[in-house]
């Protein structure tokens, strides 16, 4: 999946770009209470710890 909508059972969803089935690039979170936030995910590889998930996701919000 490279672009789409990720829906959670509580009504929250993420709509945007993906890489390796994880958010990456521009996207927007929508919450059940009506709030939403736009931003971008960046994936970084954590090489020093091979026992855990090698991909770390960070979120940077875009302020309008």
C-alpha atoms as a PDB file:
ATOM      1  CA  UNK A   1       0.000   0.000   0.000  1.00  0.00           C
ATOM      2  CA  UNK A   2       1.432   3.382  -0.963  1.00  0.00           C
ATOM      3  CA  UNK A   3      -1.576   5.646  -0.419  1.00  0.00           C
ATOM      4  CA  UNK A   4      -4.853   5.084   1.348  1.00  0.00           C
ATOM      5  CA  UNK A   5      -6.906   5.191   4.515  1.00  0.00           C
ATOM      6  CA  UNK A   6      -6.100   3.314   7.742  1.00  0.00           C
ATOM      7  CA  UNK A   7      -9.276   2.954   9.863  1.00  0.00           C
ATOM      8  CA  UNK A   8      -9.317   1.983  13.558  1.00  0.00           C
ATOM      9  CA  UNK A   9     -12.293   0.422  15.372  1.00  0.00           C
ATOM     10  CA  UNK A  10     -12.754   3.537  17.553  1.00  0.00           C
ATOM     11  CA  UNK A  11     -13.490   5.758  14.535  1.00  0.00           C
ATOM     12  CA  UNK A  12     -10.029   7.299  14.272  1.00  0.00           C
ATOM     13  CA  UNK A  13      -8.420   7.115  10.850  1.00  0.00           C
ATOM     14  CA  UNK A  14      -5.257   8.138   9.031  1.00  0.00           C
ATOM     15  CA  UNK A  15      -5.462   9.139   5.381  1.00  0.00           C
ATOM     16  CA  UNK A  16      -2.266   9.612   3.430  1.00  0.00           C
ATOM     17  CA  UNK A  17       0.921   8.069   2.126  1.00  0.00           C
ATOM     18  CA  UNK A  18       2.450   4.739   3.197  1.00  0.00           C
ATOM     19  CA  UNK A  19       5.657   2.748   2.718  1.00  0.00           C
ATOM     20  CA  UNK A  20       6.022  -0.905   3.823  1.00  0.00           C
ATOM     21  CA  UNK A  21       2.395  -0.684   5.046  1.00  0.00           C
ATOM     22  CA  UNK A  22       3.381   2.022   7.563  1.00  0.00           C
ATOM     23  CA  UNK A  23       2.617   5.752   7.365  1.00  0.00           C
ATOM     24  CA  UNK A  24       5.309   7.683   5.490  1.00  0.00           C
ATOM     25  CA  UNK A  25       5.063  11.114   3.903  1.00  0.00           C
ATOM     26  CA  UNK A  26       2.112  13.489   3.949  1.00  0.00           C
ATOM     27  CA  UNK A  27      -1.004  12.455   5.809  1.00  0.00           C
ATOM     28  CA  UNK A  28      -3.825  13.512   8.064  1.00  0.00           C
ATOM     29  CA  UNK A  29      -5.235  11.995  11.259  1.00  0.00           C
ATOM     30  CA  UNK A  30      -8.988  12.307  11.896  1.00  0.00           C
ATOM     31  CA  UNK A  31     -10.301  11.608  15.399  1.00  0.00           C
ATOM     32  CA  UNK A  32     -13.767  10.568  16.580  1.00  0.00           C
ATOM     33  CA  UNK A  33     -14.233  13.891  18.428  1.00  0.00           C
ATOM     34  CA  UNK A  34     -13.869  15.843  15.157  1.00  0.00           C
ATOM     35  CA  UNK A  35     -10.275  16.980  15.638  1.00  0.00           C
ATOM     36  CA  UNK A  36      -7.758  16.427  12.872  1.00  0.00           C
ATOM     37  CA  UNK A  37      -4.075  17.114  12.336  1.00  0.00           C
ATOM     38  CA  UNK A  38      -2.021  17.305   9.129  1.00  0.00           C
ATOM     39  CA  UNK A  39       1.641  16.459   8.964  1.00  0.00           C
ATOM     40  CA  UNK A  40       4.201  14.043   7.653  1.00  0.00           C
ATOM     41  CA  UNK A  41       5.702  10.794   8.834  1.00  0.00           C
ATOM     42  CA  UNK A  42       9.353  10.026   8.424  1.00  0.00           C
ATOM     43  CA  UNK A  43      10.736   6.504   8.737  1.00  0.00           C
ATOM     44  CA  UNK A  44      14.260   6.125  10.045  1.00  0.00           C
ATOM     45  CA  UNK A  45      16.201   2.880  10.309  1.00  0.00           C
ATOM     46  CA  UNK A  46      17.685   2.117  13.714  1.00  0.00           C
ATOM     47  CA  UNK A  47      20.750   0.016  12.828  1.00  0.00           C
ATOM     48  CA  UNK A  48      22.300  -0.305  16.302  1.00  0.00           C
ATOM     49  CA  UNK A  49      19.467  -2.416  17.775  1.00  0.00           C
ATOM     50  CA  UNK A  50      18.884  -5.430  15.536  1.00  0.00           C
ATOM     51  CA  UNK A  51      16.625  -7.233  18.065  1.00  0.00           C
ATOM     52  CA  UNK A  52      13.775  -4.714  17.866  1.00  0.00           C
ATOM     53  CA  UNK A  53      11.729  -3.289  15.001  1.00  0.00           C
ATOM     54  CA  UNK A  54      14.334  -1.636  12.744  1.00  0.00           C
ATOM     55  CA  UNK A  55      11.964   1.150  11.626  1.00  0.00           C
ATOM     56  CA  UNK A  56      11.134   4.099  13.870  1.00  0.00           C
ATOM     57  CA  UNK A  57       8.252   6.401  12.900  1.00  0.00           C
ATOM     58  CA  UNK A  58       8.311  10.095  13.780  1.00  0.00           C
ATOM     59  CA  UNK A  59       5.487  12.585  13.197  1.00  0.00           C
ATOM     60  CA  UNK A  60       5.935  16.236  12.314  1.00  0.00           C
ATOM     61  CA  UNK A  61       2.802  18.342  12.462  1.00  0.00           C
ATOM     62  CA  UNK A  62       2.206  21.034   9.867  1.00  0.00           C
ATOM     63  CA  UNK A  63       0.967  24.246  11.454  1.00  0.00           C
ATOM     64  CA  UNK A  64      -1.208  26.475   9.282  1.00  0.00           C
END
